[in-house]
Amino acid sequence: MTKPTGMPDISSYEDLLAVAYQIEADAVERYQMLTEQMEVHNNLELAKIFSSLARAEAIHRDEIL
């Protein structure tokens, strides 16, 4: 099986945790951006959902540390 383009080398547990941390951190940032966009467009129901998802991903991110 070939590795996807741009996929970092994971050869240790620490490498895996670093990748997992970055995935979660990126998710937090993107959900926060979506929250802001939904607020701009006065879609407060979706803003609340995206904000909740950002908090959940932040918990995952922090647990990895």
C-alpha atoms as a PDB file:
ATOM      1  CA  MET A   1       0.000   0.000   0.000  1.00  0.00           C
ATOM      2  CA  THR A   2       1.348   3.449  -0.888  1.00  0.00           C
ATOM      3  CA  LYS A   3       1.329   6.417   1.448  1.00  0.00           C
ATOM      4  CA  PRO A   4      -0.941   9.352   0.473  1.00  0.00           C
ATOM      5  CA  THR A   5       0.828  12.453  -0.807  1.00  0.00           C
ATOM      6  CA  GLY A   6       1.732  14.858   1.978  1.00  0.00           C
ATOM      7  CA  MET A   7       1.290  12.265   4.709  1.00  0.00           C
ATOM      8  CA  PRO A   8       4.031  12.586   7.336  1.00  0.00           C
ATOM      9  CA  ASP A   9       6.195   9.636   8.258  1.00  0.00           C
ATOM     10  CA  ILE A  10       4.900   7.952  11.386  1.00  0.00           C
ATOM     11  CA  SER A  11       7.515   5.660  12.824  1.00  0.00           C
ATOM     12  CA  SER A  12       6.894   6.044  16.537  1.00  0.00           C
ATOM     13  CA  TYR A  13       4.153   6.573  19.074  1.00  0.00           C
ATOM     14  CA  GLU A  14       5.334  10.170  19.491  1.00  0.00           C
ATOM     15  CA  ASP A  15       4.993  10.765  15.732  1.00  0.00           C
ATOM     16  CA  LEU A  16       1.448   9.420  15.844  1.00  0.00           C
ATOM     17  CA  LEU A  17       0.541  11.690  18.739  1.00  0.00           C
ATOM     18  CA  ALA A  18       2.035  14.706  16.955  1.00  0.00           C
ATOM     19  CA  VAL A  19      -0.056  14.021  13.852  1.00  0.00           C
ATOM     20  CA  ALA A  20      -3.189  13.383  15.913  1.00  0.00           C
ATOM     21  CA  TYR A  21      -2.612  16.614  17.832  1.00  0.00           C
ATOM     22  CA  GLN A  22      -2.281  18.615  14.616  1.00  0.00           C
ATOM     23  CA  ILE A  23      -5.450  17.085  13.160  1.00  0.00           C
ATOM     24  CA  GLU A  24      -7.400  18.080  16.273  1.00  0.00           C
ATOM     25  CA  ALA A  25      -5.856  21.568  16.394  1.00  0.00           C
ATOM     26  CA  ASP A  26      -6.752  22.136  12.741  1.00  0.00           C
ATOM     27  CA  ALA A  27     -10.308  20.969  13.408  1.00  0.00           C
ATOM     28  CA  VAL A  28     -10.663  23.462  16.274  1.00  0.00           C
ATOM     29  CA  GLU A  29      -9.496  26.292  14.033  1.00  0.00           C
ATOM     30  CA  ARG A  30     -11.831  25.353  11.190  1.00  0.00           C
ATOM     31  CA  TYR A  31     -14.872  24.909  13.442  1.00  0.00           C
ATOM     32  CA  GLN A  32     -14.144  28.315  14.985  1.00  0.00           C
ATOM     33  CA  MET A  33     -13.990  29.835  11.509  1.00  0.00           C
ATOM     34  CA  LEU A  34     -17.312  28.208  10.623  1.00  0.00           C
ATOM     35  CA  THR A  35     -18.825  29.498  13.869  1.00  0.00           C
ATOM     36  CA  GLU A  36     -17.771  33.038  12.985  1.00  0.00           C
ATOM     37  CA  GLN A  37     -19.147  32.739   9.464  1.00  0.00           C
ATOM     38  CA  MET A  38     -22.493  31.481  10.717  1.00  0.00           C
ATOM     39  CA  GLU A  39     -22.666  34.404  13.153  1.00  0.00           C
ATOM     40  CA  VAL A  40     -21.916  36.834  10.307  1.00  0.00           C
ATOM     41  CA  HIS A  41     -24.781  35.306   8.321  1.00  0.00           C
ATOM     42  CA  ASN A  42     -27.068  35.347  11.373  1.00  0.00           C
ATOM     43  CA  ASN A  43     -27.423  31.567  11.444  1.00  0.00           C
ATOM     44  CA  LEU A  44     -27.114  31.249  15.189  1.00  0.00           C
ATOM     45  CA  GLU A  45     -28.335  27.649  15.320  1.00  0.00           C
ATOM     46  CA  LEU A  46     -25.464  26.450  13.134  1.00  0.00           C
ATOM     47  CA  ALA A  47     -23.038  28.776  14.933  1.00  0.00           C
ATOM     48  CA  LYS A  48     -23.964  27.049  18.187  1.00  0.00           C
ATOM     49  CA  ILE A  49     -23.374  23.602  16.650  1.00  0.00           C
ATOM     50  CA  PHE A  50     -19.992  24.545  15.191  1.00  0.00           C
ATOM     51  CA  SER A  51     -18.978  26.174  18.471  1.00  0.00           C
ATOM     52  CA  SER A  52     -19.855  22.968  20.299  1.00  0.00           C
ATOM     53  CA  LEU A  53     -17.823  20.939  17.832  1.00  0.00           C
ATOM     54  CA  ALA A  54     -14.851  23.288  18.303  1.00  0.00           C
ATOM     55  CA  ARG A  55     -15.027  22.768  22.067  1.00  0.00           C
ATOM     56  CA  ALA A  56     -15.169  18.980  21.637  1.00  0.00           C
ATOM     57  CA  GLU A  57     -12.163  18.975  19.328  1.00  0.00           C
ATOM     58  CA  ALA A  58     -10.273  21.223  21.759  1.00  0.00           C
ATOM     59  CA  ILE A  59     -10.882  18.635  24.485  1.00  0.00           C
ATOM     60  CA  HIS A  60      -9.510  15.914  22.188  1.00  0.00           C
ATOM     61  CA  ARG A  61      -6.510  18.095  21.327  1.00  0.00           C
ATOM     62  CA  ASP A  62      -5.764  18.806  24.977  1.00  0.00           C
ATOM     63  CA  GLU A  63      -6.114  15.135  25.935  1.00  0.00           C
ATOM     64  CA  ILE A  64      -3.378  14.261  23.455  1.00  0.00           C
ATOM     65  CA  LEU A  65      -0.935  16.518  25.275  1.00  0.00           C
END
